[in-house]
Amino acid sequence: MLLSFDANRVEVAPGGYHVPAGRLFGEMKHQRGSKQGSVLSDGVLKFETTKSYQADLVGLSRVEVGEPTMCGRLVAECVEWR
């Protein structure tokens, strides 16, 4: 299961470490068993940081690439509607 949502800046630890404001991405494994029904396992939570690279040897072109950075674990449970 993939999901994304917008979040405000989150202070993680003293000393300035934080998750920047923007879109967070979650990824969880999803399985369906005949006895258990739908099962979600623990997943990861990431955000993207944009890094700029030189795209040619002369230095005339640059490219910006979004690189994922893991920032936590994601735990969810399925809710069955009856």
Protein backbone atom coordinates (compact mmCIF):
# COMPACT_ATOMS: atom_id res chain seq x y z
CA MET A 1 0.00 0.00 0.00
CA LEU A 2 1.36 3.40 -0.97
CA LEU A 3 0.14 6.66 0.49
CA SER A 4 1.15 10.28 0.64
CA PHE A 5 0.03 13.27 2.66
CA ASP A 6 1.07 16.85 3.36
CA ALA A 7 2.60 17.69 6.72
CA ASN A 8 3.94 20.72 8.56
CA ARG A 9 7.55 20.84 9.73
CA VAL A 10 8.10 18.28 12.51
CA GLU A 11 10.83 18.81 15.11
CA VAL A 12 12.33 15.37 15.73
CA ALA A 13 15.17 15.98 18.17
CA PRO A 14 16.89 18.88 19.92
CA GLY A 15 19.69 20.39 17.90
CA GLY A 16 17.78 21.24 14.76
CA TYR A 17 17.00 17.82 13.27
CA HIS A 18 13.57 18.02 11.66
CA VAL A 19 11.35 16.64 8.93
CA PRO A 20 10.71 19.54 6.54
CA ALA A 21 7.23 20.73 5.65
CA GLY A 22 5.90 19.11 2.51
CA ARG A 23 4.74 15.75 1.25
CA LEU A 24 5.45 12.56 3.23
CA PHE A 25 5.34 9.16 1.54
CA GLY A 26 4.42 5.88 3.22
CA GLU A 27 4.94 2.35 1.92
CA MET A 28 3.51 -0.78 3.55
CA LYS A 29 3.29 -4.41 2.48
CA HIS A 30 -0.25 -5.66 2.02
CA GLN A 31 -1.36 -9.30 2.04
CA ARG A 32 -4.67 -11.06 2.06
CA GLY A 33 -4.99 -14.42 3.79
CA SER A 34 -7.97 -16.78 3.72
CA LYS A 35 -8.12 -16.97 7.55
CA GLN A 36 -6.80 -13.54 8.55
CA GLY A 37 -8.28 -11.37 5.81
CA SER A 38 -6.31 -8.24 4.89
CA VAL A 39 -3.01 -7.82 6.71
CA LEU A 40 -0.78 -4.74 6.65
CA SER A 41 2.78 -5.12 7.88
CA ASP A 42 5.00 -2.35 9.26
CA GLY A 43 6.16 0.14 6.67
CA VAL A 44 8.46 3.09 6.22
CA LEU A 45 7.81 6.82 6.10
CA LYS A 46 9.95 9.00 3.79
CA PHE A 47 10.29 12.54 2.52
CA GLU A 48 12.10 13.78 -0.57
CA THR A 49 15.03 16.16 -0.58
CA THR A 50 16.01 17.82 -3.84
CA LYS A 51 19.70 17.71 -4.71
CA SER A 52 21.32 19.55 -7.59
CA TYR A 53 23.98 17.83 -9.73
CA GLN A 54 26.23 18.96 -12.56
CA ALA A 55 24.80 17.29 -15.70
CA ASP A 56 27.76 17.69 -18.06
CA LEU A 57 31.55 17.84 -17.93
CA VAL A 58 31.73 21.52 -18.90
CA GLY A 59 29.43 22.68 -16.09
CA LEU A 60 26.82 24.37 -18.26
CA SER A 61 23.90 22.17 -17.23
CA ARG A 62 22.52 21.18 -13.87
CA VAL A 63 19.83 18.66 -12.97
CA GLU A 64 17.73 18.50 -9.80
CA VAL A 65 16.86 15.05 -8.48
CA GLY A 66 14.45 14.18 -5.67
CA GLU A 67 16.07 11.66 -3.33
CA PRO A 68 14.01 9.82 -0.70
CA THR A 69 15.09 10.06 2.95
CA MET A 70 13.62 7.64 5.49
CA CYS A 71 12.29 9.44 8.56
CA GLY A 72 10.33 6.83 10.48
CA ARG A 73 8.19 3.72 10.71
CA LEU A 74 4.56 3.43 9.75
CA VAL A 75 2.11 1.12 11.52
CA ALA A 76 -1.55 0.70 10.52
CA GLU A 77 -4.33 -1.82 11.01
CA CYS A 78 -7.15 -2.82 8.68
CA VAL A 79 -10.66 -2.02 9.82
CA GLU A 80 -13.40 -4.33 8.62
CA TRP A 81 -16.80 -2.83 7.82
CA ARG A 82 -19.88 -4.93 8.51
